[in-house]
Amino acid sequence: MLRLLASGCARGGPGVGARPVVGLCHPGLRQSCQASDAPRNQPSPEVVARSVGVCSMMRLPVQTSPEGLDAAFIGVPLDTGTSNRPGARFGPRRIREESVMLRTVNPSTGALPFQSLMVADLGDVNVNLYNLQDSCRRIQEAYEKIVAAGCIPLTLGGDHTITYPILQAMAKKHGPVGLLHVDAHTDTADEALGEKLYHGAPFRRCVDEGLLDCKRVAQIGIRGYSTTLDPYRYNRSQGFRVVLAEDCWMKSLVPLMAEVRQQMGGKPIYISFDIDALDPAYAPGTGTPEIAGLTPGQALEIIRGCQGLNVVGCDLVEVSPPYDLSGNTALLAANLLFEMLCALPKVTTV
């Protein structure tokens, strides 16, 4: 179900199904990749120029199989469920382009993801842009194979509809999961234009199917105008914790994340991050922007606050490159995905 893109170079040679890129076969690369302290999979910019090679997330190898991987980046280029500005189908490609500046170590947290995990890019799910229901079926089937292999998926969206079939796959393995949902919107509408499947309703469908452990759901950054004075009644009636953007203004979110960690406990949780949680001054390239959002620093505090949790999957959705003329939204998205990788359970920190 995965339509592959291209690749990088793995340490000691290509991994399962990996395709090395012509142009990365620099005579110094093999020697560098054999060093005992070298990060797994990602070629060093000291050996291979960032402009060299075919585009993949963080210049990682692209593989046809999740076997042997601890974690993987997967693109889901779908925006058929978008209600306002389209273009998120181009998000995975643009995020990959902007990820070229990312490096292997996170000095701020001490995380060493590539020394801890085998990571690759699994390409894109081959979605059906003409049929949203069929796309969701394809996504669910692809992710069932990924999680069955013991690989933690980090997803590049795509509109937020994609999280619903991903969570279907997650629940099949883990049972109902906790959810850290960072967004401007709750995405728990019941229907729009007579349709129950679109990017404003994924978590309503998840509740309907019992995919979420509702007492372990936290939604952060919620804001915007509404058609009712109590737009969060449904969420709170299900047991969700809803944290409004107004309650985050001009403060550190480290204390909040301490409370979230206590709420989530040691059971599996999934992180779903809609880029429109951030103020459009920082992330204008999205389909449904809302003013007065979170800052990039607060986004880092949220994701870094997940260290120590049993994170079983992550996604970053709703990047729309046609509205991101500078590329800054995709750049921010790429960095947040790297931070998610650094927060995974098996990552060594020093």
C-alpha atoms as a PDB file:
ATOM      1  CA  MET A   1       0.000   0.000   0.000  1.00  0.00           C
ATOM      2  CA  LEU A   2       3.028   2.276   0.222  1.00  0.00           C
ATOM      3  CA  ARG A   3       4.127   4.098  -2.873  1.00  0.00           C
ATOM      4  CA  LEU A   4       7.834   4.645  -2.329  1.00  0.00           C
ATOM      5  CA  LEU A   5       9.739   7.791  -3.156  1.00  0.00           C
ATOM      6  CA  ALA A   6      13.525   7.600  -2.983  1.00  0.00           C
ATOM      7  CA  SER A   7      16.291   6.900  -0.531  1.00  0.00           C
ATOM      8  CA  GLY A   8      19.437   7.709   1.330  1.00  0.00           C
ATOM      9  CA  CYS A   9      22.223   5.442   2.564  1.00  0.00           C
ATOM     10  CA  ALA A  10      22.094   3.143   5.575  1.00  0.00           C
ATOM     11  CA  ARG A  11      25.045   2.386   7.826  1.00  0.00           C
ATOM     12  CA  GLY A  12      26.890  -0.678   6.622  1.00  0.00           C
ATOM     13  CA  GLY A  13      24.817  -0.817   3.428  1.00  0.00           C
ATOM     14  CA  PRO A  14      21.115  -0.641   2.596  1.00  0.00           C
ATOM     15  CA  GLY A  15      18.584  -2.125   5.009  1.00  0.00           C
ATOM     16  CA  VAL A  16      15.577  -4.272   4.170  1.00  0.00           C
ATOM     17  CA  GLY A  17      14.240  -3.034   0.854  1.00  0.00           C
ATOM     18  CA  ALA A  18      16.361   0.125   0.963  1.00  0.00           C
ATOM     19  CA  ARG A  19      17.436   1.731  -2.281  1.00  0.00           C
ATOM     20  CA  PRO A  20      20.677   3.734  -2.096  1.00  0.00           C
ATOM     21  CA  VAL A  21      20.604   6.947  -4.123  1.00  0.00           C
ATOM     22  CA  VAL A  22      23.093   7.398  -6.920  1.00  0.00           C
ATOM     23  CA  GLY A  23      25.080  10.436  -5.867  1.00  0.00           C
ATOM     24  CA  LEU A  24      25.376   9.363  -2.235  1.00  0.00           C
ATOM     25  CA  CYS A  25      28.002   6.793  -3.195  1.00  0.00           C
ATOM     26  CA  HIS A  26      30.780   9.148  -2.221  1.00  0.00           C
ATOM     27  CA  PRO A  27      34.081   7.365  -1.474  1.00  0.00           C
ATOM     28  CA  GLY A  28      34.185   8.885   2.009  1.00  0.00           C
ATOM     29  CA  LEU A  29      30.643   7.897   2.951  1.00  0.00           C
ATOM     30  CA  ARG A  30      31.216   4.191   3.516  1.00  0.00           C
ATOM     31  CA  GLN A  31      34.176   4.832   5.805  1.00  0.00           C
ATOM     32  CA  SER A  32      32.195   7.449   7.764  1.00  0.00           C
ATOM     33  CA  CYS A  33      29.155   5.186   8.078  1.00  0.00           C
ATOM     34  CA  GLN A  34      31.231   2.389   9.580  1.00  0.00           C
ATOM     35  CA  ALA A  35      32.352   4.442  12.565  1.00  0.00           C
ATOM     36  CA  SER A  36      31.070   2.931  15.809  1.00  0.00           C
ATOM     37  CA  ASP A  37      29.656   6.226  17.017  1.00  0.00           C
ATOM     38  CA  ALA A  38      28.002   7.114  13.712  1.00  0.00           C
ATOM     39  CA  PRO A  39      24.250   7.647  13.721  1.00  0.00           C
ATOM     40  CA  ARG A  40      22.201   4.962  12.032  1.00  0.00           C
ATOM     41  CA  ASN A  41      20.965   5.631   8.511  1.00  0.00           C
ATOM     42  CA  GLN A  42      21.405   9.392   8.103  1.00  0.00           C
ATOM     43  CA  PRO A  43      24.419  10.519   6.018  1.00  0.00           C
ATOM     44  CA  SER A  44      26.511  13.270   7.555  1.00  0.00           C
ATOM     45  CA  PRO A  45      26.443  16.695   5.839  1.00  0.00           C
ATOM     46  CA  GLU A  46      30.215  16.697   6.398  1.00  0.00           C
ATOM     47  CA  VAL A  47      30.434  13.890   3.838  1.00  0.00           C
ATOM     48  CA  VAL A  48      27.368  14.339   1.610  1.00  0.00           C
ATOM     49  CA  ALA A  49      26.110  17.809   0.657  1.00  0.00           C
ATOM     50  CA  ARG A  50      22.512  18.569   1.634  1.00  0.00           C
ATOM     51  CA  SER A  51      21.648  19.304  -1.983  1.00  0.00           C
ATOM     52  CA  VAL A  52      22.750  15.830  -3.113  1.00  0.00           C
ATOM     53  CA  GLY A  53      20.398  12.899  -3.505  1.00  0.00           C
ATOM     54  CA  VAL A  54      16.705  12.276  -4.002  1.00  0.00           C
ATOM     55  CA  CYS A  55      14.390  13.832  -1.407  1.00  0.00           C
ATOM     56  CA  SER A  56      13.450  11.759   1.649  1.00  0.00           C
ATOM     57  CA  MET A  57      12.685  12.681   5.249  1.00  0.00           C
ATOM     58  CA  MET A  58      15.951  13.781   6.855  1.00  0.00           C
ATOM     59  CA  ARG A  59      17.759  12.150   3.894  1.00  0.00           C
ATOM     60  CA  LEU A  60      17.022   8.729   5.354  1.00  0.00           C
ATOM     61  CA  PRO A  61      16.840   5.594   3.212  1.00  0.00           C
ATOM     62  CA  VAL A  62      13.480   4.763   1.727  1.00  0.00           C
ATOM     63  CA  GLN A  63      12.422   1.178   2.352  1.00  0.00           C
ATOM     64  CA  THR A  64       9.649  -0.998   0.982  1.00  0.00           C
ATOM     65  CA  SER A  65       9.099  -2.787   4.298  1.00  0.00           C
ATOM     66  CA  PRO A  66       8.886  -1.788   7.975  1.00  0.00           C
ATOM     67  CA  GLU A  67      10.662  -5.005   8.983  1.00  0.00           C
ATOM     68  CA  GLY A  68      13.746  -4.316  11.039  1.00  0.00           C
ATOM     69  CA  LEU A  69      12.766  -0.721  11.761  1.00  0.00           C
ATOM     70  CA  ASP A  70      12.069   0.759  15.171  1.00  0.00           C
ATOM     71  CA  ALA A  71      10.393   3.837  13.701  1.00  0.00           C
ATOM     72  CA  ALA A  72       9.593   5.211  10.273  1.00  0.00           C
ATOM     73  CA  PHE A  73       8.341   8.348   8.578  1.00  0.00           C
ATOM     74  CA  ILE A  74       5.342   7.824   6.293  1.00  0.00           C
ATOM     75  CA  GLY A  75       3.614  10.322   4.039  1.00  0.00           C
ATOM     76  CA  VAL A  76      -0.152  10.382   3.559  1.00  0.00           C
ATOM     77  CA  PRO A  77      -0.733  12.943   0.765  1.00  0.00           C
ATOM     78  CA  LEU A  78      -4.490  13.295   1.123  1.00  0.00           C
ATOM     79  CA  ASP A  79      -6.607  16.458   1.361  1.00  0.00           C
ATOM     80  CA  THR A  80      -9.970  15.217   0.064  1.00  0.00           C
ATOM     81  CA  GLY A  81     -11.451  15.814   3.514  1.00  0.00           C
ATOM     82  CA  THR A  82     -10.502  19.499   3.609  1.00  0.00           C
ATOM     83  CA  SER A  83     -13.281  22.004   4.328  1.00  0.00           C
ATOM     84  CA  ASN A  84     -11.542  25.281   3.464  1.00  0.00           C
ATOM     85  CA  ARG A  85      -8.188  25.805   1.738  1.00  0.00           C
ATOM     86  CA  PRO A  86      -6.860  22.686  -0.029  1.00  0.00           C
ATOM     87  CA  GLY A  87      -3.244  21.721  -0.685  1.00  0.00           C
ATOM     88  CA  ALA A  88      -2.321  19.426   2.223  1.00  0.00           C
ATOM     89  CA  ARG A  89      -1.803  16.610  -0.298  1.00  0.00           C
ATOM     90  CA  PHE A  90       1.474  18.363  -1.081  1.00  0.00           C
ATOM     91  CA  GLY A  91       2.458  18.536   2.594  1.00  0.00           C
ATOM     92  CA  PRO A  92       4.565  15.357   2.840  1.00  0.00           C
ATOM     93  CA  ARG A  93       6.709  16.310  -0.134  1.00  0.00           C
ATOM     94  CA  ARG A  94       7.360  19.849   1.126  1.00  0.00           C
ATOM     95  CA  ILE A  95       8.088  18.704   4.682  1.00  0.00           C
ATOM     96  CA  ARG A  96      10.651  16.267   3.317  1.00  0.00           C
ATOM     97  CA  GLU A  97      12.282  19.073   1.339  1.00  0.00           C
ATOM     98  CA  GLU A  98      12.560  21.286   4.404  1.00  0.00           C
ATOM     99  CA  SER A  99      13.879  18.434   6.585  1.00  0.00           C
ATOM    100  CA  VAL A 100      17.260  18.608   4.871  1.00  0.00           C
ATOM    101  CA  MET A 101      18.539  20.985   7.581  1.00  0.00           C
ATOM    102  CA  LEU A 102      17.774  18.592  10.426  1.00  0.00           C
ATOM    103  CA  ARG A 103      20.700  16.929  12.153  1.00  0.00           C
ATOM    104  CA  THR A 104      21.067  13.742  14.173  1.00  0.00           C
ATOM    105  CA  VAL A 105      21.284  14.914  17.799  1.00  0.00           C
ATOM    106  CA  ASN A 106      19.026  17.072  19.976  1.00  0.00           C
ATOM    107  CA  PRO A 107      21.346  18.963  22.352  1.00  0.00           C
ATOM    108  CA  SER A 108      18.428  20.646  24.137  1.00  0.00           C
ATOM    109  CA  THR A 109      16.985  17.344  25.368  1.00  0.00           C
ATOM    110  CA  GLY A 110      20.044  15.117  25.114  1.00  0.00           C
ATOM    111  CA  ALA A 111      18.154  12.780  22.771  1.00  0.00           C
ATOM    112  CA  LEU A 112      20.163  10.543  20.422  1.00  0.00           C
ATOM    113  CA  PRO A 113      17.451   9.090  18.166  1.00  0.00           C
ATOM    114  CA  PHE A 114      19.665   7.776  15.408  1.00  0.00           C
ATOM    115  CA  GLN A 115      22.081   6.160  17.840  1.00  0.00           C
ATOM    116  CA  SER A 116      19.100   4.454  19.505  1.00  0.00           C
ATOM    117  CA  LEU A 117      16.734   3.465  16.707  1.00  0.00           C
ATOM    118  CA  MET A 118      16.775   2.123  13.176  1.00  0.00           C
ATOM    119  CA  VAL A 119      14.742   4.664  11.217  1.00  0.00           C
ATOM    120  CA  ALA A 120      13.816   4.999   7.549  1.00  0.00           C
ATOM    121  CA  ASP A 121      11.329   6.697   5.249  1.00  0.00           C
ATOM    122  CA  LEU A 122       8.579   4.307   4.101  1.00  0.00           C
ATOM    123  CA  GLY A 123       7.410   6.564   1.313  1.00  0.00           C
ATOM    124  CA  ASP A 124       3.747   7.471   0.844  1.00  0.00           C
ATOM    125  CA  VAL A 125       0.495   5.584   1.244  1.00  0.00           C
ATOM    126  CA  ASN A 126      -1.039   5.229  -2.219  1.00  0.00           C
ATOM    127  CA  VAL A 127      -4.254   7.094  -1.456  1.00  0.00           C
ATOM    128  CA  ASN A 128      -7.266   7.424  -3.737  1.00  0.00           C
ATOM    129  CA  LEU A 129      -7.853  11.139  -4.261  1.00  0.00           C
ATOM    130  CA  TYR A 130     -11.275  10.458  -5.789  1.00  0.00           C
ATOM    131  CA  ASN A 131     -12.681   8.382  -2.925  1.00  0.00           C
ATOM    132  CA  LEU A 132     -12.207   9.374   0.717  1.00  0.00           C
ATOM    133  CA  GLN A 133     -13.634   6.131   2.109  1.00  0.00           C
ATOM    134  CA  ASP A 134     -11.324   4.047  -0.074  1.00  0.00           C
ATOM    135  CA  SER A 135      -8.361   6.195   0.975  1.00  0.00           C
ATOM    136  CA  CYS A 136      -9.163   5.552   4.624  1.00  0.00           C
ATOM    137  CA  ARG A 137      -9.297   1.822   3.931  1.00  0.00           C
ATOM    138  CA  ARG A 138      -5.894   1.960   2.236  1.00  0.00           C
ATOM    139  CA  ILE A 139      -4.407   3.977   5.095  1.00  0.00           C
ATOM    140  CA  GLN A 140      -5.719   1.577   7.727  1.00  0.00           C
ATOM    141  CA  GLU A 141      -4.367  -1.456   5.877  1.00  0.00           C
ATOM    142  CA  ALA A 142      -0.953   0.136   5.389  1.00  0.00           C
ATOM    143  CA  TYR A 143      -0.662   1.111   9.052  1.00  0.00           C
ATOM    144  CA  GLU A 144      -1.803  -2.285  10.292  1.00  0.00           C
ATOM    145  CA  LYS A 145       1.224  -3.769   8.523  1.00  0.00           C
ATOM    146  CA  ILE A 146       3.539  -1.113   9.940  1.00  0.00           C
ATOM    147  CA  VAL A 147       2.490  -1.480  13.572  1.00  0.00           C
ATOM    148  CA  ALA A 148       2.343  -5.277  13.287  1.00  0.00           C
ATOM    149  CA  ALA A 149       6.060  -5.173  12.451  1.00  0.00           C
ATOM    150  CA  GLY A 150       6.789  -3.344  15.713  1.00  0.00           C
ATOM    151  CA  CYS A 151       7.572  -0.101  13.899  1.00  0.00           C
ATOM    152  CA  ILE A 152       6.376   3.219  15.348  1.00  0.00           C
ATOM    153  CA  PRO A 153       4.921   5.416  12.576  1.00  0.00           C
ATOM    154  CA  LEU A 154       5.589   9.154  12.358  1.00  0.00           C
ATOM    155  CA  THR A 155       3.194  10.510   9.754  1.00  0.00           C
ATOM    156  CA  LEU A 156       3.493  13.475   7.409  1.00  0.00           C
ATOM    157  CA  GLY A 157      -0.005  14.673   6.440  1.00  0.00           C
ATOM    158  CA  GLY A 158      -2.261  15.265   4.678  1.00  0.00           C
ATOM    159  CA  ASP A 159      -5.422  16.644   6.216  1.00  0.00           C
ATOM    160  CA  HIS A 160      -6.627  15.532   9.643  1.00  0.00           C
ATOM    161  CA  THR A 161      -9.008  12.929   8.242  1.00  0.00           C
ATOM    162  CA  ILE A 162      -6.016  10.573   8.016  1.00  0.00           C
ATOM    163  CA  THR A 163      -5.713  10.241  11.796  1.00  0.00           C
ATOM    164  CA  TYR A 164      -8.974   8.284  11.962  1.00  0.00           C
ATOM    165  CA  PRO A 165      -7.809   5.252   9.911  1.00  0.00           C
ATOM    166  CA  ILE A 166      -4.392   5.416  11.575  1.00  0.00           C
ATOM    167  CA  LEU A 167      -6.041   5.146  14.980  1.00  0.00           C
ATOM    168  CA  GLN A 168      -8.115   2.246  13.699  1.00  0.00           C
ATOM    169  CA  ALA A 169      -4.839   0.442  13.030  1.00  0.00           C
ATOM    170  CA  MET A 170      -3.396   1.518  16.383  1.00  0.00           C
ATOM    171  CA  ALA A 171      -6.401   0.265  18.334  1.00  0.00           C
ATOM    172  CA  LYS A 172      -6.281  -3.077  16.551  1.00  0.00           C
ATOM    173  CA  LYS A 173      -2.855  -3.682  18.129  1.00  0.00           C
ATOM    174  CA  HIS A 174      -2.959  -1.689  21.360  1.00  0.00           C
ATOM    175  CA  GLY A 175      -6.653  -1.418  22.172  1.00  0.00           C
ATOM    176  CA  PRO A 176      -8.087   2.033  22.970  1.00  0.00           C
ATOM    177  CA  VAL A 177      -5.216   4.530  23.167  1.00  0.00           C
ATOM    178  CA  GLY A 178      -4.690   7.819  24.921  1.00  0.00           C
ATOM    179  CA  LEU A 179      -4.458  10.879  22.697  1.00  0.00           C
ATOM    180  CA  LEU A 180      -2.480  14.099  22.887  1.00  0.00           C
ATOM    181  CA  HIS A 181      -4.197  16.291  20.305  1.00  0.00           C
ATOM    182  CA  VAL A 182      -2.637  19.701  19.574  1.00  0.00           C
ATOM    183  CA  ASP A 183      -4.882  21.771  17.340  1.00  0.00           C
ATOM    184  CA  ALA A 184      -6.892  24.963  16.941  1.00  0.00           C
ATOM    185  CA  HIS A 185     -10.018  22.820  16.503  1.00  0.00           C
ATOM    186  CA  THR A 186     -11.435  19.880  18.420  1.00  0.00           C
ATOM    187  CA  ASP A 187     -12.228  17.893  15.235  1.00  0.00           C
ATOM    188  CA  THR A 188     -15.213  16.243  16.909  1.00  0.00           C
ATOM    189  CA  ALA A 189     -17.998  17.533  14.661  1.00  0.00           C
ATOM    190  CA  ASP A 190     -20.570  14.920  13.797  1.00  0.00           C
ATOM    191  CA  GLU A 191     -21.050  15.755  10.112  1.00  0.00           C
ATOM    192  CA  ALA A 192     -20.798  18.432   7.440  1.00  0.00           C
ATOM    193  CA  LEU A 193     -22.869  18.653   4.251  1.00  0.00           C
ATOM    194  CA  GLY A 194     -24.341  15.297   5.208  1.00  0.00           C
ATOM    195  CA  GLU A 195     -20.917  13.612   5.379  1.00  0.00           C
ATOM    196  CA  LYS A 196     -19.526  12.045   8.541  1.00  0.00           C
ATOM    197  CA  LEU A 197     -16.003  11.579   7.190  1.00  0.00           C
ATOM    198  CA  TYR A 198     -13.925  14.732   6.774  1.00  0.00           C
ATOM    199  CA  HIS A 199     -11.136  16.553   8.583  1.00  0.00           C
ATOM    200  CA  GLY A 200     -13.453  18.123  11.154  1.00  0.00           C
ATOM    201  CA  ALA A 201     -14.746  14.789  12.460  1.00  0.00           C
ATOM    202  CA  PRO A 202     -11.926  12.217  12.897  1.00  0.00           C
ATOM    203  CA  PHE A 203     -12.055  12.073  16.682  1.00  0.00           C
ATOM    204  CA  ARG A 204     -15.858  11.867  16.745  1.00  0.00           C
ATOM    205  CA  ARG A 205     -15.552   8.762  14.576  1.00  0.00           C
ATOM    206  CA  CYS A 206     -12.830   7.432  16.872  1.00  0.00           C
ATOM    207  CA  VAL A 207     -15.101   7.848  19.900  1.00  0.00           C
ATOM    208  CA  ASP A 208     -17.959   6.166  18.037  1.00  0.00           C
ATOM    209  CA  GLU A 209     -15.764   3.122  17.380  1.00  0.00           C
ATOM    210  CA  GLY A 210     -14.158   2.955  20.829  1.00  0.00           C
ATOM    211  CA  LEU A 211     -10.661   3.668  19.534  1.00  0.00           C
ATOM    212  CA  LEU A 212      -9.805   6.166  22.293  1.00  0.00           C
ATOM    213  CA  ASP A 213      -9.337   5.841  26.041  1.00  0.00           C
ATOM    214  CA  CYS A 214     -11.377   8.996  26.562  1.00  0.00           C
ATOM    215  CA  LYS A 215     -10.164   9.674  30.103  1.00  0.00           C
ATOM    216  CA  ARG A 216      -6.676   9.924  28.615  1.00  0.00           C
ATOM    217  CA  VAL A 217      -7.407  12.464  25.883  1.00  0.00           C
ATOM    218  CA  ALA A 218      -5.963  15.984  26.098  1.00  0.00           C
ATOM    219  CA  GLN A 219      -6.633  18.664  23.480  1.00  0.00           C
ATOM    220  CA  ILE A 220      -4.344  21.709  23.613  1.00  0.00           C
ATOM    221  CA  GLY A 221      -4.459  25.019  21.731  1.00  0.00           C
ATOM    222  CA  ILE A 222      -8.190  24.998  21.004  1.00  0.00           C
ATOM    223  CA  ARG A 223      -9.630  28.348  19.906  1.00  0.00           C
ATOM    224  CA  GLY A 224     -11.671  30.202  17.312  1.00  0.00           C
ATOM    225  CA  TYR A 225     -15.240  31.321  16.832  1.00  0.00           C
ATOM    226  CA  SER A 226     -18.198  28.975  16.841  1.00  0.00           C
ATOM    227  CA  THR A 227     -21.899  28.597  16.160  1.00  0.00           C
ATOM    228  CA  THR A 228     -22.620  27.928  19.830  1.00  0.00           C
ATOM    229  CA  LEU A 229     -21.503  29.396  23.157  1.00  0.00           C
ATOM    230  CA  ASP A 230     -20.516  25.965  24.466  1.00  0.00           C
ATOM    231  CA  PRO A 231     -18.635  24.311  21.580  1.00  0.00           C
ATOM    232  CA  TYR A 232     -16.676  21.952  23.864  1.00  0.00           C
ATOM    233  CA  ARG A 233     -19.629  20.303  25.625  1.00  0.00           C
ATOM    234  CA  TYR A 234     -19.365  17.069  23.654  1.00  0.00           C
ATOM    235  CA  ASN A 235     -15.619  16.721  24.281  1.00  0.00           C
ATOM    236  CA  ARG A 236     -15.849  17.303  28.016  1.00  0.00           C
ATOM    237  CA  SER A 237     -18.863  14.999  28.270  1.00  0.00           C
ATOM    238  CA  GLN A 238     -16.649  12.230  26.893  1.00  0.00           C
ATOM    239  CA  GLY A 239     -13.970  12.900  29.496  1.00  0.00           C
ATOM    240  CA  PHE A 240     -11.555  14.848  27.283  1.00  0.00           C
ATOM    241  CA  ARG A 241      -9.385  17.532  28.843  1.00  0.00           C
ATOM    242  CA  VAL A 242      -9.740  20.657  26.671  1.00  0.00           C
ATOM    243  CA  VAL A 243      -7.062  23.336  27.094  1.00  0.00           C
ATOM    244  CA  LEU A 244      -7.948  26.567  25.317  1.00  0.00           C
ATOM    245  CA  ALA A 245      -5.318  28.686  23.603  1.00  0.00           C
ATOM    246  CA  GLU A 246      -6.271  31.606  25.871  1.00  0.00           C
ATOM    247  CA  ASP A 247      -5.130  29.535  28.822  1.00  0.00           C
ATOM    248  CA  CYS A 248      -1.728  29.106  27.174  1.00  0.00           C
ATOM    249  CA  TRP A 249      -1.008  32.713  26.244  1.00  0.00           C
ATOM    250  CA  MET A 250       2.272  34.178  27.492  1.00  0.00           C
ATOM    251  CA  LYS A 251       3.238  31.266  29.714  1.00  0.00           C
ATOM    252  CA  SER A 252       5.362  28.160  29.733  1.00  0.00           C
ATOM    253  CA  LEU A 253       3.508  24.907  29.107  1.00  0.00           C
ATOM    254  CA  VAL A 254       5.972  22.801  31.111  1.00  0.00           C
ATOM    255  CA  PRO A 255       3.617  22.689  34.151  1.00  0.00           C
ATOM    256  CA  LEU A 256       0.704  21.730  31.917  1.00  0.00           C
ATOM    257  CA  MET A 257       2.667  18.854  30.393  1.00  0.00           C
ATOM    258  CA  ALA A 258       3.507  17.544  33.856  1.00  0.00           C
ATOM    259  CA  GLU A 259      -0.239  17.242  34.423  1.00  0.00           C
ATOM    260  CA  VAL A 260      -0.714  15.628  31.002  1.00  0.00           C
ATOM    261  CA  ARG A 261       1.967  13.024  31.750  1.00  0.00           C
ATOM    262  CA  GLN A 262       0.142  12.141  34.940  1.00  0.00           C
ATOM    263  CA  GLN A 263      -3.139  11.904  33.017  1.00  0.00           C
ATOM    264  CA  MET A 264      -1.653   9.606  30.358  1.00  0.00           C
ATOM    265  CA  GLY A 265       0.171   7.256  32.720  1.00  0.00           C
ATOM    266  CA  GLY A 266       2.135   4.357  31.275  1.00  0.00           C
ATOM    267  CA  LYS A 267      -0.412   3.104  28.741  1.00  0.00           C
ATOM    268  CA  PRO A 268      -0.072   3.661  24.959  1.00  0.00           C
ATOM    269  CA  ILE A 269      -0.701   7.169  23.677  1.00  0.00           C
ATOM    270  CA  TYR A 270      -0.813   8.696  20.222  1.00  0.00           C
ATOM    271  CA  ILE A 271       0.289  12.263  19.372  1.00  0.00           C
ATOM    272  CA  SER A 272      -1.669  14.131  16.696  1.00  0.00           C
ATOM    273  CA  PHE A 273      -0.381  17.626  15.924  1.00  0.00           C
ATOM    274  CA  ASP A 274      -2.276  19.908  13.556  1.00  0.00           C
ATOM    275  CA  ILE A 275       0.031  22.695  12.404  1.00  0.00           C
ATOM    276  CA  ASP A 276      -2.837  25.189  12.760  1.00  0.00           C
ATOM    277  CA  ALA A 277      -2.425  24.891  16.540  1.00  0.00           C
ATOM    278  CA  LEU A 278       0.330  27.427  15.998  1.00  0.00           C
ATOM    279  CA  ASP A 279      -0.405  31.055  15.357  1.00  0.00           C
ATOM    280  CA  PRO A 280      -0.537  31.793  11.603  1.00  0.00           C
ATOM    281  CA  ALA A 281       2.253  34.310  12.089  1.00  0.00           C
ATOM    282  CA  TYR A 282       4.487  31.240  12.459  1.00  0.00           C
ATOM    283  CA  ALA A 283       2.565  28.721  10.345  1.00  0.00           C
ATOM    284  CA  PRO A 284       0.513  30.461   7.648  1.00  0.00           C
ATOM    285  CA  GLY A 285       0.567  27.502   5.276  1.00  0.00           C
ATOM    286  CA  THR A 286      -2.493  25.647   6.467  1.00  0.00           C
ATOM    287  CA  GLY A 287      -6.106  25.170   5.437  1.00  0.00           C
ATOM    288  CA  THR A 288      -8.056  26.561   8.401  1.00  0.00           C
ATOM    289  CA  PRO A 289      -5.879  29.146  10.190  1.00  0.00           C
ATOM    290  CA  GLU A 290      -7.049  30.723  13.461  1.00  0.00           C
ATOM    291  CA  ILE A 291      -5.489  33.813  15.050  1.00  0.00           C
ATOM    292  CA  ALA A 292      -3.905  33.957  18.516  1.00  0.00           C
ATOM    293  CA  GLY A 293      -2.433  30.486  18.589  1.00  0.00           C
ATOM    294  CA  LEU A 294       0.508  28.758  20.214  1.00  0.00           C
ATOM    295  CA  THR A 295       4.141  29.698  19.640  1.00  0.00           C
ATOM    296  CA  PRO A 296       6.870  27.393  18.294  1.00  0.00           C
ATOM    297  CA  GLY A 297       8.466  27.430  21.743  1.00  0.00           C
ATOM    298  CA  GLN A 298       5.246  26.171  23.305  1.00  0.00           C
ATOM    299  CA  ALA A 299       5.023  23.478  20.631  1.00  0.00           C
ATOM    300  CA  LEU A 300       8.488  22.282  21.642  1.00  0.00           C
ATOM    301  CA  GLU A 301       7.458  22.252  25.307  1.00  0.00           C
ATOM    302  CA  ILE A 302       4.443  20.094  24.474  1.00  0.00           C
ATOM    303  CA  ILE A 303       6.356  17.509  22.471  1.00  0.00           C
ATOM    304  CA  ARG A 304       9.365  17.433  24.780  1.00  0.00           C
ATOM    305  CA  GLY A 305       6.924  17.013  27.646  1.00  0.00           C
ATOM    306  CA  CYS A 306       6.003  13.627  26.151  1.00  0.00           C
ATOM    307  CA  GLN A 307       9.393  12.118  26.945  1.00  0.00           C
ATOM    308  CA  GLY A 308       8.867   9.133  29.203  1.00  0.00           C
ATOM    309  CA  LEU A 309       5.391   8.384  27.879  1.00  0.00           C
ATOM    310  CA  ASN A 310       4.501   5.230  25.955  1.00  0.00           C
ATOM    311  CA  VAL A 311       4.164   6.927  22.576  1.00  0.00           C
ATOM    312  CA  VAL A 312       3.070   4.404  19.925  1.00  0.00           C
ATOM    313  CA  GLY A 313       2.621   6.777  16.999  1.00  0.00           C
ATOM    314  CA  CYS A 314       2.583  10.420  15.898  1.00  0.00           C
ATOM    315  CA  ASP A 315       1.384  12.595  13.081  1.00  0.00           C
ATOM    316  CA  LEU A 316       1.853  16.163  11.866  1.00  0.00           C
ATOM    317  CA  VAL A 317      -1.010  17.236   9.622  1.00  0.00           C
ATOM    318  CA  GLU A 318      -2.563  20.110   7.650  1.00  0.00           C
ATOM    319  CA  VAL A 319       0.545  21.680   6.103  1.00  0.00           C
ATOM    320  CA  SER A 320      -0.643  23.285   2.853  1.00  0.00           C
ATOM    321  CA  PRO A 321       2.356  24.371   0.741  1.00  0.00           C
ATOM    322  CA  PRO A 322       0.384  26.579  -1.689  1.00  0.00           C
ATOM    323  CA  TYR A 323      -0.205  28.955   1.250  1.00  0.00           C
ATOM    324  CA  ASP A 324       3.366  28.583   2.575  1.00  0.00           C
ATOM    325  CA  LEU A 325       5.324  30.783   0.198  1.00  0.00           C
ATOM    326  CA  SER A 326       8.414  31.019   2.409  1.00  0.00           C
ATOM    327  CA  GLY A 327       8.453  27.340   3.339  1.00  0.00           C
ATOM    328  CA  ASN A 328       8.501  28.245   7.033  1.00  0.00           C
ATOM    329  CA  THR A 329       5.379  26.203   7.866  1.00  0.00           C
ATOM    330  CA  ALA A 330       6.899  23.054   6.373  1.00  0.00           C
ATOM    331  CA  LEU A 331      10.217  23.814   8.054  1.00  0.00           C
ATOM    332  CA  LEU A 332       8.462  24.084  11.399  1.00  0.00           C
ATOM    333  CA  ALA A 333       6.590  20.843  10.694  1.00  0.00           C
ATOM    334  CA  ALA A 334       9.818  18.998   9.888  1.00  0.00           C
ATOM    335  CA  ASN A 335      11.377  20.174  13.142  1.00  0.00           C
ATOM    336  CA  LEU A 336       8.346  19.111  15.181  1.00  0.00           C
ATOM    337  CA  LEU A 337       8.449  15.650  13.596  1.00  0.00           C
ATOM    338  CA  PHE A 338      12.099  15.345  14.587  1.00  0.00           C
ATOM    339  CA  GLU A 339      11.152  16.341  18.136  1.00  0.00           C
ATOM    340  CA  MET A 340       8.503  13.592  18.099  1.00  0.00           C
ATOM    341  CA  LEU A 341      11.143  11.096  17.030  1.00  0.00           C
ATOM    342  CA  CYS A 342      13.327  12.257  19.926  1.00  0.00           C
ATOM    343  CA  ALA A 343      10.449  11.673  22.378  1.00  0.00           C
ATOM    344  CA  LEU A 344       9.902   8.015  21.454  1.00  0.00           C
ATOM    345  CA  PRO A 345      10.260   5.492  24.315  1.00  0.00           C
ATOM    346  CA  LYS A 346      13.473   3.735  23.205  1.00  0.00           C
ATOM    347  CA  VAL A 347      15.469   6.869  22.464  1.00  0.00           C
ATOM    348  CA  THR A 348      18.565   7.256  24.633  1.00  0.00           C
ATOM    349  CA  THR A 349      19.052  10.607  26.361  1.00  0.00           C
ATOM    350  CA  VAL A 350      22.287  11.837  27.899  1.00  0.00           C
END
